[in-house]
Amino acid sequence: MTVDYQSREVEARPLSPRQLQLYKYIRRYIERRGVAPTLAEMATHLNVTSSGTVHEYLSALEWKGVIERIPLATRGIVVTGGCPYCGAA
């Protein structure tokens, strides 16, 4: 499945259940350990074998403004402080 992240329609939509699952996992992981999870840890949590799938979810979360990724940084994910799509996530 290919998603056009240039479309504003994607930005206006709430997080999918899998995106929300990953967002909550990242947020809790950072709260508990002080660093973001690795791609492998996220893949294991989501029960997927492809890092490409994790990258797609991360791109969607970044486009929707709930995370920021730091290029070339190991564990380079920052939660932006709020998720208007998540309710009381």
N, C-alpha and C. Protein backbone atom coordinates (compact mmCIF):
# COMPACT_ATOMS: atom_id res chain seq x y z
N MET A 1 0.84 -1.18 0.00
CA MET A 1 0.00 0.00 0.00
C MET A 1 0.88 1.23 0.00
N THR A 2 0.65 2.12 -0.94
CA THR A 2 1.40 3.36 -1.02
C THR A 2 0.50 4.50 -0.59
N VAL A 3 1.02 5.35 0.27
CA VAL A 3 0.25 6.49 0.76
C VAL A 3 0.92 7.76 0.27
N ASP A 4 0.14 8.68 -0.26
CA ASP A 4 0.65 9.96 -0.73
C ASP A 4 0.72 10.92 0.44
N TYR A 5 1.91 11.07 1.01
CA TYR A 5 2.07 11.92 2.19
C TYR A 5 2.09 13.41 1.83
N GLN A 6 2.04 13.71 0.53
CA GLN A 6 1.97 15.11 0.13
C GLN A 6 0.53 15.62 0.16
N SER A 7 -0.42 14.72 0.29
CA SER A 7 -1.82 15.08 0.28
C SER A 7 -2.25 15.62 1.64
N ARG A 8 -2.89 16.75 1.67
CA ARG A 8 -3.39 17.33 2.92
C ARG A 8 -4.53 16.49 3.48
N GLU A 9 -5.16 15.69 2.65
CA GLU A 9 -6.24 14.83 3.11
C GLU A 9 -5.72 13.83 4.13
N VAL A 10 -4.50 13.33 3.95
CA VAL A 10 -3.91 12.39 4.89
C VAL A 10 -3.71 13.07 6.24
N GLU A 11 -3.24 14.31 6.21
CA GLU A 11 -2.97 15.04 7.44
C GLU A 11 -4.23 15.23 8.28
N ALA A 12 -5.37 15.44 7.62
CA ALA A 12 -6.60 15.73 8.33
C ALA A 12 -7.24 14.48 8.94
N ARG A 13 -6.81 13.31 8.52
CA ARG A 13 -7.41 12.08 9.02
C ARG A 13 -6.79 11.67 10.33
N PRO A 14 -7.58 11.05 11.21
CA PRO A 14 -7.02 10.57 12.47
C PRO A 14 -6.05 9.41 12.24
N LEU A 15 -5.33 9.07 13.28
CA LEU A 15 -4.40 7.95 13.18
C LEU A 15 -5.16 6.65 12.98
N SER A 16 -4.58 5.79 12.16
CA SER A 16 -5.16 4.45 12.00
C SER A 16 -4.90 3.68 13.29
N PRO A 17 -5.60 2.58 13.50
CA PRO A 17 -5.34 1.79 14.71
C PRO A 17 -3.87 1.38 14.85
N ARG A 18 -3.21 1.00 13.76
CA ARG A 18 -1.81 0.59 13.83
C ARG A 18 -0.90 1.79 14.10
N GLN A 19 -1.21 2.94 13.50
CA GLN A 19 -0.43 4.14 13.77
C GLN A 19 -0.56 4.53 15.24
N LEU A 20 -1.78 4.46 15.76
CA LEU A 20 -2.01 4.78 17.17
C LEU A 20 -1.27 3.80 18.07
N GLN A 21 -1.28 2.52 17.71
CA GLN A 21 -0.55 1.50 18.48
C GLN A 21 0.94 1.84 18.52
N LEU A 22 1.50 2.20 17.37
CA LEU A 22 2.93 2.53 17.32
C LEU A 22 3.22 3.81 18.08
N TYR A 23 2.36 4.83 17.92
CA TYR A 23 2.56 6.09 18.63
C TYR A 23 2.59 5.87 20.14
N LYS A 24 1.62 5.12 20.66
CA LYS A 24 1.57 4.85 22.10
C LYS A 24 2.80 4.07 22.56
N TYR A 25 3.23 3.11 21.75
CA TYR A 25 4.42 2.32 22.09
C TYR A 25 5.66 3.22 22.17
N ILE A 26 5.84 4.07 21.17
CA ILE A 26 6.99 4.98 21.15
C ILE A 26 6.96 5.90 22.37
N ARG A 27 5.79 6.49 22.63
CA ARG A 27 5.66 7.42 23.75
C ARG A 27 5.99 6.74 25.09
N ARG A 28 5.42 5.55 25.31
CA ARG A 28 5.68 4.82 26.56
C ARG A 28 7.14 4.40 26.66
N TYR A 29 7.70 3.95 25.55
CA TYR A 29 9.10 3.50 25.53
C TYR A 29 10.02 4.66 25.94
N ILE A 30 9.80 5.83 25.35
CA ILE A 30 10.62 7.00 25.68
C ILE A 30 10.42 7.41 27.13
N GLU A 31 9.18 7.37 27.62
CA GLU A 31 8.92 7.74 29.02
C GLU A 31 9.66 6.81 29.98
N ARG A 32 9.69 5.53 29.67
CA ARG A 32 10.31 4.54 30.56
C ARG A 32 11.83 4.46 30.44
N ARG A 33 12.35 4.62 29.21
CA ARG A 33 13.78 4.38 29.00
C ARG A 33 14.58 5.63 28.65
N GLY A 34 13.91 6.70 28.30
CA GLY A 34 14.61 7.94 27.98
C GLY A 34 15.14 8.02 26.56
N VAL A 35 14.97 6.97 25.78
CA VAL A 35 15.37 6.95 24.37
C VAL A 35 14.25 6.29 23.57
N ALA A 36 14.25 6.53 22.27
CA ALA A 36 13.24 5.93 21.41
C ALA A 36 13.61 4.47 21.11
N PRO A 37 12.62 3.65 20.76
CA PRO A 37 12.91 2.28 20.38
C PRO A 37 13.60 2.21 19.02
N THR A 38 14.29 1.12 18.77
CA THR A 38 14.90 0.90 17.46
C THR A 38 13.83 0.44 16.47
N LEU A 39 14.17 0.47 15.20
CA LEU A 39 13.25 -0.03 14.18
C LEU A 39 12.91 -1.49 14.44
N ALA A 40 13.90 -2.28 14.83
CA ALA A 40 13.68 -3.70 15.11
C ALA A 40 12.72 -3.88 16.27
N GLU A 41 12.86 -3.08 17.32
CA GLU A 41 11.95 -3.17 18.46
C GLU A 41 10.53 -2.79 18.07
N MET A 42 10.41 -1.76 17.23
CA MET A 42 9.07 -1.35 16.77
C MET A 42 8.46 -2.45 15.90
N ALA A 43 9.25 -3.04 15.02
CA ALA A 43 8.76 -4.12 14.17
C ALA A 43 8.28 -5.30 15.02
N THR A 44 9.06 -5.65 16.04
CA THR A 44 8.67 -6.74 16.93
C THR A 44 7.37 -6.42 17.65
N HIS A 45 7.25 -5.20 18.13
CA HIS A 45 6.03 -4.80 18.83
C HIS A 45 4.81 -4.88 17.92
N LEU A 46 4.98 -4.48 16.66
CA LEU A 46 3.88 -4.51 15.70
C LEU A 46 3.68 -5.88 15.07
N ASN A 47 4.60 -6.79 15.37
CA ASN A 47 4.56 -8.14 14.81
C ASN A 47 4.65 -8.11 13.28
N VAL A 48 5.58 -7.31 12.77
CA VAL A 48 5.86 -7.25 11.33
C VAL A 48 7.33 -7.60 11.12
N THR A 49 7.65 -8.08 9.93
CA THR A 49 9.03 -8.47 9.65
C THR A 49 9.77 -7.45 8.81
N SER A 50 9.06 -6.51 8.23
CA SER A 50 9.67 -5.55 7.33
C SER A 50 9.91 -4.20 8.01
N SER A 51 11.15 -3.73 7.94
CA SER A 51 11.43 -2.39 8.48
C SER A 51 10.76 -1.34 7.59
N GLY A 52 10.49 -1.68 6.34
CA GLY A 52 9.79 -0.76 5.45
C GLY A 52 8.39 -0.43 5.94
N THR A 53 7.74 -1.42 6.53
CA THR A 53 6.41 -1.20 7.09
C THR A 53 6.50 -0.22 8.25
N VAL A 54 7.50 -0.38 9.09
CA VAL A 54 7.71 0.54 10.22
C VAL A 54 7.99 1.95 9.68
N HIS A 55 8.81 2.05 8.64
CA HIS A 55 9.11 3.35 8.04
C HIS A 55 7.83 4.03 7.53
N GLU A 56 6.93 3.25 6.93
CA GLU A 56 5.66 3.83 6.45
C GLU A 56 4.85 4.41 7.60
N TYR A 57 4.74 3.64 8.68
CA TYR A 57 4.01 4.14 9.85
C TYR A 57 4.67 5.39 10.43
N LEU A 58 5.99 5.38 10.52
CA LEU A 58 6.71 6.53 11.06
C LEU A 58 6.52 7.77 10.17
N SER A 59 6.54 7.56 8.85
CA SER A 59 6.32 8.69 7.93
C SER A 59 4.93 9.29 8.13
N ALA A 60 3.93 8.43 8.31
CA ALA A 60 2.58 8.92 8.54
C ALA A 60 2.49 9.68 9.86
N LEU A 61 3.10 9.14 10.91
CA LEU A 61 3.08 9.82 12.21
C LEU A 61 3.79 11.16 12.14
N GLU A 62 4.90 11.20 11.40
CA GLU A 62 5.63 12.46 11.26
C GLU A 62 4.81 13.46 10.46
N TRP A 63 4.19 13.03 9.37
CA TRP A 63 3.37 13.92 8.55
C TRP A 63 2.20 14.48 9.35
N LYS A 64 1.64 13.67 10.21
CA LYS A 64 0.50 14.10 11.02
C LYS A 64 0.94 14.94 12.23
N GLY A 65 2.25 15.09 12.40
CA GLY A 65 2.77 16.01 13.40
C GLY A 65 2.87 15.48 14.82
N VAL A 66 2.75 14.17 15.02
CA VAL A 66 2.79 13.64 16.38
C VAL A 66 4.19 13.18 16.79
N ILE A 67 5.08 13.01 15.81
CA ILE A 67 6.49 12.73 16.11
C ILE A 67 7.36 13.55 15.17
N GLU A 68 8.62 13.67 15.55
CA GLU A 68 9.64 14.23 14.66
C GLU A 68 10.76 13.22 14.60
N ARG A 69 11.35 13.07 13.42
CA ARG A 69 12.50 12.19 13.27
C ARG A 69 13.74 13.03 13.05
N ILE A 70 14.82 12.63 13.68
CA ILE A 70 16.09 13.32 13.55
C ILE A 70 16.92 12.53 12.54
N PRO A 71 17.18 13.11 11.37
CA PRO A 71 17.90 12.38 10.33
C PRO A 71 19.27 11.89 10.79
N LEU A 72 19.59 10.67 10.41
CA LEU A 72 20.89 10.03 10.66
C LEU A 72 21.19 9.76 12.13
N ALA A 73 20.21 9.94 12.99
CA ALA A 73 20.43 9.70 14.42
C ALA A 73 19.89 8.33 14.79
N THR A 74 20.68 7.58 15.53
CA THR A 74 20.20 6.32 16.07
C THR A 74 19.12 6.64 17.10
N ARG A 75 18.00 5.95 17.02
CA ARG A 75 16.87 6.18 17.91
C ARG A 75 16.38 7.63 17.84
N GLY A 76 16.46 8.20 16.65
CA GLY A 76 16.16 9.62 16.45
C GLY A 76 14.69 9.93 16.25
N ILE A 77 13.89 9.67 17.28
CA ILE A 77 12.47 9.98 17.23
C ILE A 77 12.12 10.79 18.48
N VAL A 78 11.38 11.87 18.27
CA VAL A 78 10.94 12.72 19.37
C VAL A 78 9.42 12.83 19.29
N VAL A 79 8.74 12.60 20.40
CA VAL A 79 7.29 12.81 20.47
C VAL A 79 7.08 14.30 20.61
N THR A 80 6.19 14.87 19.79
CA THR A 80 6.06 16.33 19.74
C THR A 80 5.28 16.94 20.88
N GLY A 81 4.74 16.13 21.76
CA GLY A 81 4.09 16.68 22.94
C GLY A 81 2.59 16.59 22.95
N GLY A 82 1.99 16.29 21.83
CA GLY A 82 0.54 16.14 21.84
C GLY A 82 0.08 15.40 20.60
N CYS A 83 -1.02 14.74 20.77
CA CYS A 83 -1.60 14.00 19.66
C CYS A 83 -3.07 14.32 19.59
N PRO A 84 -3.45 15.32 18.78
CA PRO A 84 -4.85 15.71 18.70
C PRO A 84 -5.73 14.59 18.15
N TYR A 85 -5.13 13.60 17.52
CA TYR A 85 -5.87 12.48 16.93
C TYR A 85 -6.08 11.35 17.91
N CYS A 86 -5.48 11.42 19.08
CA CYS A 86 -5.42 10.27 19.96
C CYS A 86 -6.40 10.33 21.12
N GLY A 87 -7.15 11.36 21.26
CA GLY A 87 -8.03 11.47 22.42
C GLY A 87 -7.18 11.54 23.68
N ALA A 88 -7.43 10.67 24.61
CA ALA A 88 -6.67 10.64 25.85
C ALA A 88 -5.58 9.59 25.78
N ALA A 89 -4.98 9.43 24.62
CA ALA A 89 -3.93 8.42 24.44
C ALA A 89 -2.87 8.69 25.42
